[in-house]
Amino acid sequence: MNNVLGKLKAKIGRRFCASVLAGAVVFSLASYEFAGHARAATPSPAAAALDDNSVGALLSLDKAMENVASRVTPATVNVTVTSKRSAHTASMQGTDGDDDNGNPAQQFGPFQFGPQMRPRQPQYEHGLGSGVIISPDGYIVTNNHVIDGATDIRVTLTDKRILPAKLIGTDPLTDLAVIKVDGSNMPSVPLGDSTALHPGQTVLAFGNPLGFRFTVTRGIVSALNRPNPYAQDRRSPGQFIQTDAAINPGNSGGPLVNAHGEVIGINTFLISETGGFSGMGFAIPTQIVKPTVDRLIKFGKVNHGYMGIGISDVSPDEAKFFNVTNATGAVVTQVEPNSPGAKAGLKVGDIITEVNGKQVADAGALQVEVGQKQPGSKLDLTVMRDGKQTPVDVTLASMDKEDRDNETASAGHGKPRWGIGLADLSPEARQQLQANDSVQGAVVGQVTPGSPADNAGLQPGDVIIEVNRKPVKSASDAKAALSGIADGGDALVLVWSRGGSSFRVLHPSQG
């Protein structure tokens, strides 16, 4: 009996030990797994930061940009306006999206907010724009469209002071305005030389986009001497600076500065299919800003010189028709009767290559040069006429908005030939096209898609007034002139459209 009990105890003991041993093994595995998780949850040491020596160039660039920003930001102001507009005007004007012609361009300020239309009675609108202080005594440059119609103008400084501003003067043609606040020893920045700019240079844009005050963005000069493709006034000068520094509604009137902290442009509009920044912002160059601002401060207005001609660039395709070898200068496309240009003897087809001994690069350059001259100024022009150099002296008149609107630079020409239906310019057509009696020629009735005329950009309603430098008075004249061109030859046509004229080269179809 005792022997049986002993064997039973021994057997139970072995089983217990096995259970304990199994439990120990399980516990050990669990402990190992837990310890493994614990070790995995502890991150390895992070890689060391790059030392200053390896990123010295970037740090130097950052420091330089910080210096420019700290210099210019205190001189950048927020411009708040209250303006009074009629309900009709308000219903005709938008603040975002396309312009009146459906073009994806907009002036990015003032950024509108607050009450909108109230029919048949004046309404008050509130808007935000930007400006830059250019003198310690408080003169501020902004855009005309920022303060247009303002009944009250307030300026907010970076130290949060809000000061009333007085309107000194405006120039709608250049979209510039000067306002002033009372003060002394105010932060200011100088105007630089925009003619020294080159594509690729670093620039900073300052302003108050979408109400976010005192914003700075960095970019480059994307291009120079850009025309305004959507200017409502044909006399408005181009030569805009194009930049990819981010600018948005509310940036209007803010400064575009170079690496020296000098203002080289005043931000004025952007081109975008969405109404927001898409990489194409434009600024008025200081070559236009400085003389305009000087006159606004001195006289309160600007009286631009006026020659009374239409001008466009000379393309390489056109050069041979004018017996010149270089596609430079500005070709005269229109001469108004009794204008200073007409009195001086300028003719359609003349190419203006110099003004007062200074070479004219293109139509835009000539337009800026003439527009910045005072009425009464005398210009010594060098003109290429039928391949021969001719001097012409012109005395500028005053540009009167009421009856002068043809001093224009048209820099764009399509790749201009036939494929057009022509008709006589009847009294009904003349009235519909708003063409005065001096316009004689053949009206374009239809344009065949893909034809040389289509490639040239001709459209129904255009009026062909010359073919190969010879006037045409009717559709039959124009047809005969075009038919008489030898096979394979190009044709130079002078086209009147919406109050202005431009040359187009028509290339014959190939194949």
Protein backbone atom coordinates (compact mmCIF):
# COMPACT_ATOMS: atom_id res chain seq x y z
CA MET A 1 0.00 0.00 0.00
CA ASN A 2 2.74 2.39 0.95
CA ASN A 3 4.55 1.46 -2.23
CA VAL A 4 1.49 2.31 -4.34
CA LEU A 5 1.05 5.65 -2.61
CA GLY A 6 4.69 6.48 -3.21
CA LYS A 7 4.41 5.77 -6.90
CA LEU A 8 1.25 7.88 -7.10
CA LYS A 9 2.96 10.85 -5.36
CA ALA A 10 5.89 10.54 -7.66
CA LYS A 11 3.68 10.55 -10.73
CA ILE A 12 1.67 13.59 -9.52
CA GLY A 13 4.92 15.36 -8.71
CA ARG A 14 6.22 14.80 -12.20
CA ARG A 15 3.03 16.13 -13.74
CA PHE A 16 3.08 19.19 -11.50
CA CYS A 17 6.67 19.86 -12.38
CA ALA A 18 5.77 19.50 -16.07
CA SER A 19 2.95 22.00 -15.64
CA VAL A 20 5.20 24.37 -13.78
CA LEU A 21 7.88 23.88 -16.37
CA ALA A 22 5.39 24.43 -19.20
CA GLY A 23 4.12 27.55 -17.47
CA ALA A 24 7.64 28.76 -17.07
CA VAL A 25 8.32 28.22 -20.75
CA VAL A 26 5.16 30.13 -21.69
CA PHE A 27 6.06 32.89 -19.25
CA SER A 28 9.56 33.06 -20.64
CA LEU A 29 8.29 33.30 -24.23
CA ALA A 30 5.81 36.00 -23.24
CA SER A 31 8.53 37.86 -21.42
CA TYR A 32 10.77 37.60 -24.49
CA GLU A 33 8.01 38.84 -26.79
CA PHE A 34 7.20 41.75 -24.46
CA ALA A 35 10.83 42.64 -24.19
CA GLY A 36 11.10 42.47 -27.98
CA HIS A 37 8.18 44.90 -28.38
CA ALA A 38 9.69 47.16 -25.78
CA ARG A 39 12.97 47.21 -27.62
CA ALA A 40 11.22 47.89 -30.99
CA ALA A 41 9.24 50.84 -29.54
CA THR A 42 12.44 52.64 -28.65
CA PRO A 43 13.47 54.73 -31.77
CA SER A 44 16.98 54.77 -33.05
CA PRO A 45 18.79 58.08 -32.74
CA ALA A 46 17.85 60.53 -35.57
CA ALA A 47 20.39 61.51 -38.18
CA ALA A 48 22.32 64.60 -37.32
CA ALA A 49 21.28 67.93 -38.87
CA LEU A 50 23.35 69.27 -41.74
CA ASP A 51 26.08 71.56 -40.50
CA ASP A 52 26.32 75.20 -41.50
CA ASN A 53 29.24 74.59 -43.79
CA SER A 54 27.29 72.18 -46.00
CA VAL A 55 24.31 74.57 -46.44
CA GLY A 56 26.15 77.85 -46.21
CA ALA A 57 24.90 79.09 -49.57
CA LEU A 58 21.25 78.52 -48.60
CA LEU A 59 21.72 80.16 -45.21
CA SER A 60 23.32 83.16 -46.87
CA LEU A 61 20.42 83.43 -49.30
CA ASP A 62 17.89 83.18 -46.46
CA LYS A 63 19.71 85.86 -44.51
CA ALA A 64 19.80 88.15 -47.52
CA MET A 65 16.06 87.71 -48.11
CA GLU A 66 15.36 88.33 -44.42
CA ASN A 67 17.32 91.58 -44.62
CA VAL A 68 15.34 92.75 -47.65
CA ALA A 69 12.01 91.76 -46.07
CA SER A 70 12.80 93.50 -42.79
CA ARG A 71 13.77 96.63 -44.74
CA VAL A 72 10.73 96.81 -47.02
CA THR A 73 7.87 95.42 -44.90
CA PRO A 74 7.63 98.50 -42.60
CA ALA A 75 7.23 100.70 -45.69
CA THR A 76 4.44 98.51 -47.11
CA VAL A 77 0.96 99.60 -46.08
CA ASN A 78 -2.54 98.21 -46.12
CA VAL A 79 -4.92 100.55 -47.97
CA THR A 80 -8.59 100.35 -46.96
CA VAL A 81 -11.09 102.29 -49.05
CA THR A 82 -14.74 103.11 -48.88
CA SER A 83 -16.12 103.89 -52.31
CA LYS A 84 -19.48 105.04 -53.57
CA ARG A 85 -20.77 103.53 -56.78
CA SER A 86 -24.10 103.50 -58.48
CA ALA A 87 -26.05 100.26 -58.67
CA HIS A 88 -25.70 100.28 -62.46
CA THR A 89 -21.92 100.56 -62.24
CA ALA A 90 -21.74 97.85 -59.62
CA SER A 91 -23.84 95.51 -61.71
CA MET A 92 -21.51 96.02 -64.68
CA GLN A 93 -18.26 95.44 -62.79
CA GLY A 94 -16.90 92.31 -61.15
CA THR A 95 -14.08 91.88 -58.70
CA ASP A 96 -13.08 88.34 -59.51
CA GLY A 97 -12.77 86.06 -62.54
CA ASP A 98 -12.82 87.15 -66.13
CA ASP A 99 -12.92 90.74 -67.31
CA ASP A 100 -15.74 92.27 -69.33
CA ASN A 101 -14.47 90.53 -72.47
CA GLY A 102 -14.34 87.10 -70.85
CA ASN A 103 -10.55 87.18 -70.59
CA PRO A 104 -8.80 85.40 -67.72
CA ALA A 105 -7.15 88.56 -66.42
CA GLN A 106 -7.83 90.60 -63.34
CA GLN A 107 -6.39 93.41 -61.34
CA PHE A 108 -5.72 91.94 -57.93
CA GLY A 109 -7.07 94.69 -55.72
CA PRO A 110 -8.90 96.00 -54.01
CA PHE A 111 -10.03 92.74 -52.45
CA GLN A 112 -13.77 93.31 -52.02
CA PHE A 113 -15.89 92.46 -49.03
CA GLY A 114 -19.00 93.74 -47.32
CA PRO A 115 -22.41 94.78 -48.66
CA GLN A 116 -23.10 94.29 -52.33
CA MET A 117 -25.75 95.66 -54.72
CA ARG A 118 -28.76 97.71 -53.75
CA PRO A 119 -30.73 98.46 -56.91
CA ARG A 120 -31.35 101.99 -58.15
CA GLN A 121 -29.46 103.77 -55.40
CA PRO A 122 -25.83 104.49 -54.60
CA GLN A 123 -23.99 101.78 -52.73
CA TYR A 124 -20.92 101.86 -50.56
CA GLU A 125 -18.24 99.28 -51.09
CA HIS A 126 -15.24 98.48 -48.98
CA GLY A 127 -12.00 97.17 -50.37
CA LEU A 128 -8.45 96.34 -49.44
CA GLY A 129 -5.34 97.07 -51.46
CA SER A 130 -1.70 97.78 -50.87
CA GLY A 131 0.73 100.65 -51.16
CA VAL A 132 4.33 101.58 -50.50
CA ILE A 133 5.74 104.63 -48.69
CA ILE A 134 8.35 106.32 -50.88
CA SER A 135 9.28 109.31 -48.68
CA PRO A 136 9.71 109.91 -44.94
CA ASP A 137 6.98 112.59 -45.01
CA GLY A 138 4.30 110.05 -45.95
CA TYR A 139 3.83 109.96 -49.73
CA ILE A 140 2.46 106.57 -50.77
CA VAL A 141 2.24 104.99 -54.24
CA THR A 142 -0.65 102.65 -55.04
CA ASN A 143 -2.84 101.72 -58.00
CA ASN A 144 -5.54 103.98 -59.38
CA HIS A 145 -8.00 101.09 -59.41
CA VAL A 146 -7.45 100.57 -55.66
CA ILE A 147 -8.70 104.05 -54.72
CA ASP A 148 -10.96 104.74 -57.72
CA GLY A 149 -14.19 106.37 -56.49
CA ALA A 150 -13.04 106.36 -52.86
CA THR A 151 -14.88 108.57 -50.38
CA ASP A 152 -12.57 107.57 -47.54
CA ILE A 153 -9.03 106.17 -47.55
CA ARG A 154 -7.34 104.65 -44.50
CA VAL A 155 -3.81 103.33 -44.24
CA THR A 156 -2.69 100.66 -41.76
CA LEU A 157 1.00 100.53 -40.88
CA THR A 158 2.95 97.52 -39.63
CA ASP A 159 2.86 98.94 -36.10
CA LYS A 160 -0.97 98.69 -36.31
CA ARG A 161 -1.54 102.44 -36.49
CA ILE A 162 -4.46 103.41 -38.74
CA LEU A 163 -4.07 106.80 -40.40
CA PRO A 164 -6.40 108.78 -42.68
CA ALA A 165 -4.93 109.34 -46.14
CA LYS A 166 -5.40 112.24 -48.53
CA LEU A 167 -5.62 111.67 -52.28
CA ILE A 168 -2.85 113.62 -54.05
CA GLY A 169 -3.52 112.59 -57.63
CA THR A 170 -4.39 109.78 -60.02
CA ASP A 171 -3.45 108.73 -63.52
CA PRO A 172 -5.94 106.18 -64.91
CA LEU A 173 -3.88 105.69 -68.07
CA THR A 174 -0.95 104.15 -66.16
CA ASP A 175 -3.14 102.88 -63.28
CA LEU A 176 -1.09 104.80 -60.72
CA ALA A 177 -2.13 106.99 -57.79
CA VAL A 178 -0.43 108.87 -54.97
CA ILE A 179 -1.92 109.29 -51.49
CA LYS A 180 -0.40 110.89 -48.40
CA VAL A 181 -0.56 110.49 -44.64
CA ASP A 182 0.66 113.04 -42.12
CA GLY A 183 3.90 112.04 -40.50
CA SER A 184 7.65 112.38 -40.38
CA ASN A 185 10.56 109.96 -40.27
CA MET A 186 8.31 107.28 -41.68
CA PRO A 187 9.86 104.07 -43.05
CA SER A 188 10.30 104.36 -46.81
CA VAL A 189 12.00 102.61 -49.69
CA PRO A 190 13.64 104.11 -52.78
CA LEU A 191 12.58 103.67 -56.39
CA GLY A 192 15.09 101.65 -58.37
CA ASP A 193 15.89 101.38 -62.08
CA SER A 194 13.64 98.86 -63.83
CA THR A 195 15.58 99.25 -67.09
CA ALA A 196 18.49 97.42 -65.43
CA LEU A 197 16.43 94.28 -64.82
CA HIS A 198 17.08 90.94 -66.50
CA PRO A 199 14.95 87.79 -66.63
CA GLY A 200 15.94 85.39 -63.85
CA GLN A 201 16.73 88.04 -61.24
CA THR A 202 15.33 87.49 -57.75
CA VAL A 203 12.44 89.75 -56.73
CA LEU A 204 10.15 89.97 -53.70
CA ALA A 205 6.48 90.98 -53.83
CA PHE A 206 4.92 92.72 -50.82
CA GLY A 207 1.27 93.39 -50.09
CA ASN A 208 -1.95 92.28 -48.45
CA PRO A 209 -3.36 89.38 -50.48
CA LEU A 210 -6.93 88.35 -49.65
CA GLY A 211 -6.79 90.39 -46.47
CA PHE A 212 -3.70 88.67 -45.07
CA ARG A 213 -1.68 91.73 -44.15
CA PHE A 214 2.00 92.33 -44.76
CA THR A 215 2.76 89.25 -46.82
CA VAL A 216 6.02 88.75 -48.69
CA THR A 217 6.65 86.22 -51.46
CA ARG A 218 9.76 85.44 -53.43
CA GLY A 219 10.23 84.74 -57.13
CA ILE A 220 12.11 85.86 -60.21
CA VAL A 221 11.66 88.25 -63.09
CA SER A 222 9.94 85.94 -65.56
CA ALA A 223 9.94 88.37 -68.50
CA LEU A 224 10.17 92.06 -69.33
CA ASN A 225 8.33 94.53 -71.56
CA ARG A 226 5.07 92.62 -71.56
CA PRO A 227 2.02 94.32 -73.11
CA ASN A 228 -1.30 94.38 -71.28
CA PRO A 229 -3.40 92.12 -73.49
CA TYR A 230 -6.66 93.26 -71.93
CA ALA A 231 -6.19 97.02 -71.56
CA GLN A 232 -9.49 98.83 -72.14
CA ASP A 233 -7.68 101.99 -73.25
CA ARG A 234 -5.48 101.45 -76.30
CA ARG A 235 -3.18 104.27 -75.18
CA SER A 236 -2.26 102.50 -71.94
CA PRO A 237 1.48 101.82 -71.94
CA GLY A 238 2.72 98.26 -71.61
CA GLN A 239 6.30 97.26 -70.77
CA PHE A 240 5.09 95.36 -67.68
CA ILE A 241 7.38 93.22 -65.54
CA GLN A 242 6.18 89.62 -65.41
CA THR A 243 7.00 87.68 -62.25
CA ASP A 244 6.27 84.33 -60.64
CA ALA A 245 6.42 85.78 -57.11
CA ALA A 246 3.03 84.79 -55.71
CA ILE A 247 0.51 87.64 -55.86
CA ASN A 248 -3.25 87.53 -55.40
CA PRO A 249 -6.28 89.84 -55.06
CA GLY A 250 -5.34 92.54 -52.55
CA ASN A 251 -1.72 92.81 -53.73
CA SER A 252 -2.55 95.74 -56.03
CA GLY A 253 -0.39 98.75 -55.32
CA GLY A 254 2.21 96.81 -53.37
CA PRO A 255 5.89 97.00 -54.30
CA LEU A 256 7.94 94.55 -56.31
CA VAL A 257 11.54 94.97 -55.11
CA ASN A 258 14.96 93.79 -56.18
CA ALA A 259 17.72 92.28 -54.06
CA HIS A 260 18.82 95.77 -52.98
CA GLY A 261 15.42 96.52 -51.49
CA GLU A 262 14.60 99.02 -54.23
CA VAL A 263 11.12 99.28 -55.72
CA ILE A 264 11.38 98.26 -59.36
CA GLY A 265 7.65 97.83 -59.98
CA ILE A 266 4.14 98.35 -58.60
CA ASN A 267 2.03 95.18 -58.66
CA THR A 268 -1.09 95.75 -60.73
CA PHE A 269 -2.73 92.68 -62.33
CA LEU A 270 -2.49 88.93 -62.83
CA ILE A 271 -3.51 86.54 -65.56
CA SER A 272 -5.30 83.44 -64.37
CA GLU A 273 -8.07 81.11 -65.50
CA THR A 274 -9.26 80.73 -61.90
CA GLY A 275 -8.97 84.27 -60.54
CA GLY A 276 -6.19 83.20 -58.18
CA PHE A 277 -2.43 83.16 -58.57
CA SER A 278 -1.21 80.85 -61.33
CA GLY A 279 2.38 81.98 -61.72
CA MET A 280 1.80 85.07 -63.87
CA GLY A 281 1.74 88.40 -62.07
CA PHE A 282 2.52 91.79 -63.58
CA ALA A 283 3.97 95.02 -62.24
CA ILE A 284 4.25 98.55 -63.64
CA PRO A 285 7.99 99.24 -64.10
CA THR A 286 9.58 102.20 -62.36
CA GLN A 287 10.55 103.69 -65.72
CA ILE A 288 6.82 104.53 -65.88
CA VAL A 289 6.18 104.87 -62.15
CA LYS A 290 8.83 107.48 -61.35
CA PRO A 291 7.97 110.23 -63.86
CA THR A 292 4.25 109.65 -63.29
CA VAL A 293 4.55 109.87 -59.51
CA ASP A 294 6.76 112.95 -59.72
CA ARG A 295 4.10 114.77 -61.76
CA LEU A 296 1.25 113.60 -59.53
CA ILE A 297 3.03 114.95 -56.46
CA LYS A 298 3.84 118.23 -58.19
CA PHE A 299 0.67 118.86 -60.19
CA GLY A 300 -1.93 116.37 -58.95
CA LYS A 301 -2.42 114.99 -62.46
CA VAL A 302 -0.49 113.85 -65.51
CA ASN A 303 -0.87 115.31 -68.98
CA HIS A 304 0.55 112.83 -71.43
CA GLY A 305 2.12 113.74 -74.75
CA TYR A 306 0.21 112.74 -77.86
CA MET A 307 1.38 112.14 -81.43
CA GLY A 308 -1.86 110.88 -83.00
CA ILE A 309 -0.63 107.69 -84.61
CA GLY A 310 -1.21 103.96 -84.32
CA ILE A 311 1.91 101.83 -84.06
CA SER A 312 2.87 98.16 -83.93
CA ASP A 313 5.99 96.02 -83.84
CA VAL A 314 7.85 95.11 -87.01
CA SER A 315 7.96 91.35 -87.48
CA PRO A 316 10.63 89.62 -89.58
CA ASP A 317 7.88 88.66 -92.04
CA GLU A 318 6.98 92.31 -92.52
CA ALA A 319 10.48 93.75 -92.73
CA LYS A 320 10.98 92.89 -96.40
CA PHE A 321 7.85 94.80 -97.37
CA PHE A 322 9.35 97.96 -95.85
CA ASN A 323 12.78 97.46 -97.41
CA VAL A 324 14.49 97.11 -94.05
CA THR A 325 16.74 94.32 -92.81
CA ASN A 326 16.14 94.55 -89.07
CA ALA A 327 12.79 93.84 -87.38
CA THR A 328 13.20 96.68 -84.90
CA GLY A 329 11.43 99.97 -84.35
CA ALA A 330 7.73 100.79 -84.53
CA VAL A 331 5.78 100.79 -87.78
CA VAL A 332 3.08 103.44 -88.23
CA THR A 333 -0.27 101.76 -88.88
CA GLN A 334 -2.53 104.79 -88.62
CA VAL A 335 -2.22 108.58 -88.76
CA GLU A 336 -5.09 110.65 -87.45
CA PRO A 337 -6.10 113.67 -89.51
CA ASN A 338 -4.83 117.01 -88.13
CA SER A 339 -2.80 115.20 -85.46
CA PRO A 340 0.80 116.18 -84.60
CA GLY A 341 1.99 113.11 -86.56
CA ALA A 342 -0.01 114.13 -89.63
CA LYS A 343 1.24 117.71 -89.45
CA ALA A 344 4.82 116.45 -89.23
CA GLY A 345 4.36 114.36 -92.38
CA LEU A 346 4.33 110.86 -90.88
CA LYS A 347 2.82 108.24 -93.19
CA VAL A 348 1.38 104.76 -92.75
CA GLY A 349 4.25 102.33 -93.28
CA ASP A 350 6.93 104.60 -91.81
CA ILE A 351 9.15 102.80 -89.32
CA ILE A 352 10.26 104.96 -86.40
CA THR A 353 13.73 103.77 -85.34
CA GLU A 354 14.98 106.62 -83.13
CA VAL A 355 13.60 109.33 -80.84
CA ASN A 356 15.95 112.18 -79.98
CA GLY A 357 18.91 110.00 -80.91
CA LYS A 358 17.73 107.08 -78.75
CA GLN A 359 17.05 103.81 -80.55
CA VAL A 360 13.49 102.47 -80.50
CA ALA A 361 13.41 98.74 -79.84
CA ASP A 362 9.72 98.19 -80.48
CA ALA A 363 6.28 99.79 -80.41
CA GLY A 364 5.95 99.48 -76.64
CA ALA A 365 9.19 101.34 -76.04
CA LEU A 366 8.08 104.17 -78.34
CA GLN A 367 4.71 104.38 -76.64
CA VAL A 368 6.30 104.74 -73.21
CA GLU A 369 8.79 107.30 -74.50
CA VAL A 370 6.10 109.48 -76.08
CA GLY A 371 3.57 109.06 -73.26
CA GLN A 372 6.05 110.28 -70.64
CA LYS A 373 6.80 113.46 -72.57
CA GLN A 374 4.98 116.67 -71.78
CA PRO A 375 2.64 118.25 -74.34
CA GLY A 376 4.62 120.78 -76.35
CA SER A 377 7.76 118.65 -76.30
CA LYS A 378 9.62 118.44 -79.60
CA LEU A 379 10.77 115.05 -80.80
CA ASP A 380 13.42 114.43 -83.44
CA LEU A 381 12.38 111.19 -85.06
CA THR A 382 14.44 109.02 -87.37
CA VAL A 383 12.14 107.26 -89.81
CA MET A 384 12.79 104.51 -92.35
CA ARG A 385 10.55 105.19 -95.35
CA ASP A 386 10.77 102.78 -98.28
CA GLY A 387 14.22 101.75 -97.11
CA LYS A 388 15.55 105.31 -96.83
CA GLN A 389 16.32 107.13 -93.59
CA THR A 390 14.27 110.31 -93.16
CA PRO A 391 14.26 112.84 -90.28
CA VAL A 392 10.85 113.93 -88.98
CA ASP A 393 10.26 116.58 -86.30
CA VAL A 394 7.09 116.30 -84.24
CA THR A 395 5.68 118.65 -81.59
CA LEU A 396 3.49 116.72 -79.18
CA ALA A 397 -0.03 117.79 -78.32
CA SER A 398 -1.96 116.95 -75.16
CA MET A 399 -3.59 113.55 -74.94
CA ASP A 400 -7.29 114.28 -74.54
CA LYS A 401 -9.25 111.22 -73.52
CA GLU A 402 -12.45 112.53 -75.08
CA ASP A 403 -11.28 112.40 -78.65
CA ARG A 404 -7.91 110.69 -78.80
CA ASP A 405 -7.59 106.98 -78.30
CA ASN A 406 -5.36 105.65 -81.03
CA GLU A 407 -1.83 105.96 -79.68
CA THR A 408 -1.40 102.24 -79.26
CA ALA A 409 1.18 99.53 -79.43
CA SER A 410 0.07 96.21 -80.80
CA ALA A 411 2.91 93.79 -80.24
CA GLY A 412 1.14 90.66 -81.32
CA HIS A 413 0.71 89.44 -84.86
CA GLY A 414 -0.51 86.04 -85.86
CA LYS A 415 1.30 83.89 -88.38
CA PRO A 416 -0.37 85.59 -91.22
CA ARG A 417 -3.05 84.45 -96.02
CA TRP A 418 -6.32 84.04 -98.13
CA GLY A 419 -9.51 82.16 -97.12
CA ILE A 420 -11.65 85.26 -96.58
CA GLY A 421 -14.96 86.54 -97.86
CA LEU A 422 -14.95 90.28 -98.56
CA ALA A 423 -17.72 92.83 -98.93
CA ASP A 424 -17.99 96.57 -99.42
CA LEU A 425 -18.11 98.72 -96.31
CA SER A 426 -21.76 99.77 -96.52
CA PRO A 427 -23.26 102.56 -94.39
CA GLU A 428 -24.99 99.91 -92.28
CA ALA A 429 -21.76 97.97 -91.75
CA ARG A 430 -19.88 101.20 -91.00
CA GLN A 431 -22.43 102.09 -88.33
CA GLN A 432 -22.34 98.62 -86.82
CA LEU A 433 -18.54 98.59 -86.72
CA GLN A 434 -18.43 102.20 -85.48
CA ALA A 435 -15.98 103.07 -88.24
CA ASN A 436 -15.69 106.75 -89.08
CA ASP A 437 -15.70 108.12 -92.62
CA SER A 438 -11.90 108.06 -92.87
CA VAL A 439 -11.93 104.25 -92.83
CA GLN A 440 -12.10 103.00 -96.44
CA GLY A 441 -11.66 99.42 -97.60
CA ALA A 442 -13.17 95.93 -97.70
CA VAL A 443 -14.89 94.41 -94.70
CA VAL A 444 -14.15 90.77 -93.86
CA GLY A 445 -17.42 88.81 -93.90
CA GLN A 446 -16.13 85.31 -93.23
CA VAL A 447 -12.86 83.52 -92.52
CA THR A 448 -12.26 79.88 -93.47
CA PRO A 449 -10.95 77.87 -90.49
CA GLY A 450 -7.34 76.82 -90.97
CA SER A 451 -6.85 79.19 -93.90
CA PRO A 452 -3.98 81.69 -94.22
CA ALA A 453 -6.38 84.46 -93.18
CA ASP A 454 -7.38 82.46 -90.12
CA ASN A 455 -3.73 81.83 -89.32
CA ALA A 456 -3.17 85.57 -89.61
CA GLY A 457 -5.84 86.25 -87.00
CA LEU A 458 -8.28 87.97 -89.33
CA GLN A 459 -11.86 87.98 -88.07
CA PRO A 460 -15.28 88.94 -89.42
CA GLY A 461 -15.70 92.67 -89.01
CA ASP A 462 -12.06 93.51 -89.73
CA VAL A 463 -11.57 96.02 -92.54
CA ILE A 464 -8.71 95.59 -95.01
CA ILE A 465 -7.59 99.08 -95.97
CA GLU A 466 -4.28 98.31 -97.73
CA VAL A 467 -2.76 95.41 -99.67
CA ASN A 468 1.00 95.46 -100.22
CA ARG A 469 1.22 99.12 -99.21
CA LYS A 470 -1.48 100.26 -101.64
CA PRO A 471 -4.86 101.55 -100.45
CA VAL A 472 -8.01 99.64 -101.35
CA LYS A 473 -11.38 101.36 -101.40
CA SER A 474 -13.71 98.43 -101.97
CA ALA A 475 -14.06 94.66 -101.90
CA SER A 476 -13.26 94.47 -105.62
CA ASP A 477 -10.07 96.48 -105.07
CA ALA A 478 -8.96 94.15 -102.31
CA LYS A 479 -9.80 91.00 -104.29
CA ALA A 480 -7.93 92.26 -107.32
CA ALA A 481 -4.89 93.18 -105.27
CA LEU A 482 -4.79 89.80 -103.54
CA SER A 483 -5.39 87.92 -106.79
CA GLY A 484 -2.56 89.80 -108.46
CA ILE A 485 0.07 88.46 -106.07
CA ALA A 486 2.36 85.91 -107.71
CA ASP A 487 2.04 82.27 -106.74
CA GLY A 488 4.00 81.55 -103.60
CA GLY A 489 4.24 85.24 -102.70
CA ASP A 490 3.24 86.77 -99.39
CA ALA A 491 0.83 89.65 -98.95
CA LEU A 492 1.04 92.51 -96.47
CA VAL A 493 -2.40 93.75 -95.45
CA LEU A 494 -3.24 96.70 -93.25
CA VAL A 495 -6.28 95.85 -91.16
CA TRP A 496 -8.54 98.24 -89.26
CA SER A 497 -10.29 96.71 -86.26
CA ARG A 498 -12.13 98.31 -83.32
CA GLY A 499 -10.59 101.72 -83.74
CA GLY A 500 -6.98 100.66 -84.41
CA SER A 501 -4.92 99.40 -87.33
CA SER A 502 -2.23 96.77 -87.64
CA PHE A 503 -0.23 95.12 -90.42
CA ARG A 504 -0.60 91.41 -91.07
CA VAL A 505 1.45 89.19 -93.39
CA LEU A 506 -0.57 86.56 -95.27
CA HIS A 507 1.44 83.48 -96.25
CA PRO A 508 0.19 81.34 -99.14
CA SER A 509 -1.01 77.85 -98.36
CA GLN A 510 1.58 75.14 -98.82
CA GLY A 511 0.71 71.92 -100.63
